[in-house]
Amino acid sequence: MKNMVENNLIRFMSISKKKEGLFANFKVKGLKGGASFSSSISVDMAAAEVNAGDSLEKIIEECARIASREYKKSEAQFEGLAAI
């Protein structure tokens, strides 16, 4: 069987307003080690030091930088599985 190419894609979806502030929302899809995955990331625009008055390009770029960095550092654990 042929191995599938490994890839990751982070796509900007929207900006949402919550009571905690404004957030840039991204969707992540990827394939690695034979496993396909998807997840979503919301970045607080204040943490990216951008505001609603900035251009959409600047907001996306700064928030995507944070989303990518934090996604790479994240480690997921299966809920309910202590050890396999």
C-alpha atoms as a PDB file:
ATOM      1  CA  MET A   1       0.000   0.000   0.000  1.00  0.00           C
ATOM      2  CA  LYS A   2       1.266   3.445  -0.895  1.00  0.00           C
ATOM      3  CA  ASN A   3       2.016   5.883   1.974  1.00  0.00           C
ATOM      4  CA  MET A   4      -0.063   9.043   1.943  1.00  0.00           C
ATOM      5  CA  VAL A   5       1.788  12.348   1.933  1.00  0.00           C
ATOM      6  CA  GLU A   6       1.973  13.981   5.365  1.00  0.00           C
ATOM      7  CA  ASN A   7       0.604  17.503   5.476  1.00  0.00           C
ATOM      8  CA  ASN A   8      -0.939  20.082   7.770  1.00  0.00           C
ATOM      9  CA  LEU A   9      -3.159  23.000   6.842  1.00  0.00           C
ATOM     10  CA  ILE A  10      -4.290  25.851   9.084  1.00  0.00           C
ATOM     11  CA  ARG A  11      -7.147  27.828   7.511  1.00  0.00           C
ATOM     12  CA  PHE A  12      -8.650  31.104   8.746  1.00  0.00           C
ATOM     13  CA  MET A  13     -12.401  30.746   9.308  1.00  0.00           C
ATOM     14  CA  SER A  14     -13.789  33.844  11.028  1.00  0.00           C
ATOM     15  CA  ILE A  15     -13.559  36.466  13.741  1.00  0.00           C
ATOM     16  CA  SER A  16     -15.946  36.067  16.640  1.00  0.00           C
ATOM     17  CA  LYS A  17     -16.912  38.311  19.538  1.00  0.00           C
ATOM     18  CA  LYS A  18     -17.280  36.688  22.941  1.00  0.00           C
ATOM     19  CA  LYS A  19     -17.659  38.303  26.334  1.00  0.00           C
ATOM     20  CA  GLU A  20     -13.924  37.612  26.898  1.00  0.00           C
ATOM     21  CA  GLY A  21     -12.949  39.590  23.754  1.00  0.00           C
ATOM     22  CA  LEU A  22     -12.423  39.209  20.004  1.00  0.00           C
ATOM     23  CA  PHE A  23     -11.059  35.929  18.646  1.00  0.00           C
ATOM     24  CA  ALA A  24      -9.666  34.841  15.286  1.00  0.00           C
ATOM     25  CA  ASN A  25     -10.833  31.291  14.523  1.00  0.00           C
ATOM     26  CA  PHE A  26      -8.841  28.761  12.535  1.00  0.00           C
ATOM     27  CA  LYS A  27      -9.491  25.175  11.398  1.00  0.00           C
ATOM     28  CA  VAL A  28      -6.616  22.692  11.295  1.00  0.00           C
ATOM     29  CA  LYS A  29      -6.611  19.607   9.077  1.00  0.00           C
ATOM     30  CA  GLY A  30      -3.741  17.240   8.588  1.00  0.00           C
ATOM     31  CA  LEU A  31      -2.365  13.829   7.942  1.00  0.00           C
ATOM     32  CA  LYS A  32       0.610  12.406   9.800  1.00  0.00           C
ATOM     33  CA  GLY A  33       1.791   8.878  10.427  1.00  0.00           C
ATOM     34  CA  GLY A  34      -1.263   7.408   8.729  1.00  0.00           C
ATOM     35  CA  ALA A  35      -3.681   9.309  10.991  1.00  0.00           C
ATOM     36  CA  SER A  36      -6.006  12.003   9.717  1.00  0.00           C
ATOM     37  CA  PHE A  37      -6.948  14.775  12.153  1.00  0.00           C
ATOM     38  CA  SER A  38      -8.830  18.048  12.398  1.00  0.00           C
ATOM     39  CA  SER A  39      -9.239  20.596  15.140  1.00  0.00           C
ATOM     40  CA  SER A  40     -10.088  24.227  15.677  1.00  0.00           C
ATOM     41  CA  ILE A  41      -8.060  27.011  17.260  1.00  0.00           C
ATOM     42  CA  SER A  42      -9.307  30.360  18.589  1.00  0.00           C
ATOM     43  CA  VAL A  43      -6.694  33.064  19.155  1.00  0.00           C
ATOM     44  CA  ASP A  44      -7.409  36.042  21.413  1.00  0.00           C
ATOM     45  CA  MET A  45      -6.711  39.094  19.256  1.00  0.00           C
ATOM     46  CA  ALA A  46      -5.438  40.994  22.312  1.00  0.00           C
ATOM     47  CA  ALA A  47      -2.730  38.334  22.768  1.00  0.00           C
ATOM     48  CA  ALA A  48      -1.676  38.937  19.167  1.00  0.00           C
ATOM     49  CA  GLU A  49      -1.555  42.680  19.868  1.00  0.00           C
ATOM     50  CA  VAL A  50      -4.020  43.485  17.076  1.00  0.00           C
ATOM     51  CA  ASN A  51      -7.442  45.125  17.239  1.00  0.00           C
ATOM     52  CA  ALA A  52     -10.573  45.393  15.125  1.00  0.00           C
ATOM     53  CA  GLY A  53      -9.266  48.581  13.481  1.00  0.00           C
ATOM     54  CA  ASP A  54      -6.280  46.771  11.926  1.00  0.00           C
ATOM     55  CA  SER A  55      -6.474  45.344   8.409  1.00  0.00           C
ATOM     56  CA  LEU A  56      -7.882  41.837   8.115  1.00  0.00           C
ATOM     57  CA  GLU A  57      -4.579  40.685   6.585  1.00  0.00           C
ATOM     58  CA  LYS A  58      -2.619  41.878   9.629  1.00  0.00           C
ATOM     59  CA  ILE A  59      -5.094  40.271  12.052  1.00  0.00           C
ATOM     60  CA  ILE A  60      -4.959  36.933  10.226  1.00  0.00           C
ATOM     61  CA  GLU A  61      -1.156  36.980   9.908  1.00  0.00           C
ATOM     62  CA  GLU A  62      -0.464  37.782  13.563  1.00  0.00           C
ATOM     63  CA  CYS A  63      -3.090  35.390  14.923  1.00  0.00           C
ATOM     64  CA  ALA A  64      -2.007  32.614  12.521  1.00  0.00           C
ATOM     65  CA  ARG A  65       1.551  32.961  13.798  1.00  0.00           C
ATOM     66  CA  ILE A  66       0.318  32.289  17.355  1.00  0.00           C
ATOM     67  CA  ALA A  67      -2.035  29.502  16.228  1.00  0.00           C
ATOM     68  CA  SER A  68       0.734  27.698  14.353  1.00  0.00           C
ATOM     69  CA  ARG A  69       3.267  28.040  17.178  1.00  0.00           C
ATOM     70  CA  GLU A  70       0.888  26.842  19.888  1.00  0.00           C
ATOM     71  CA  TYR A  71      -0.506  24.017  17.757  1.00  0.00           C
ATOM     72  CA  LYS A  72       2.995  22.655  17.174  1.00  0.00           C
ATOM     73  CA  LYS A  73       3.677  22.719  20.935  1.00  0.00           C
ATOM     74  CA  SER A  74       0.388  21.081  21.930  1.00  0.00           C
ATOM     75  CA  GLU A  75       0.129  17.507  23.104  1.00  0.00           C
ATOM     76  CA  ALA A  76      -3.255  15.807  23.150  1.00  0.00           C
ATOM     77  CA  GLN A  77      -4.277  13.056  25.518  1.00  0.00           C
ATOM     78  CA  PHE A  78      -7.129  10.608  25.053  1.00  0.00           C
ATOM     79  CA  GLU A  79      -9.829  11.253  27.603  1.00  0.00           C
ATOM     80  CA  GLY A  80     -10.259   8.372  30.027  1.00  0.00           C
ATOM     81  CA  LEU A  81      -7.118   6.479  29.004  1.00  0.00           C
ATOM     82  CA  ALA A  82      -4.466   6.627  31.731  1.00  0.00           C
ATOM     83  CA  ALA A  83      -2.093   4.107  30.157  1.00  0.00           C
ATOM     84  CA  ILE A  84      -2.196   1.722  27.259  1.00  0.00           C
END
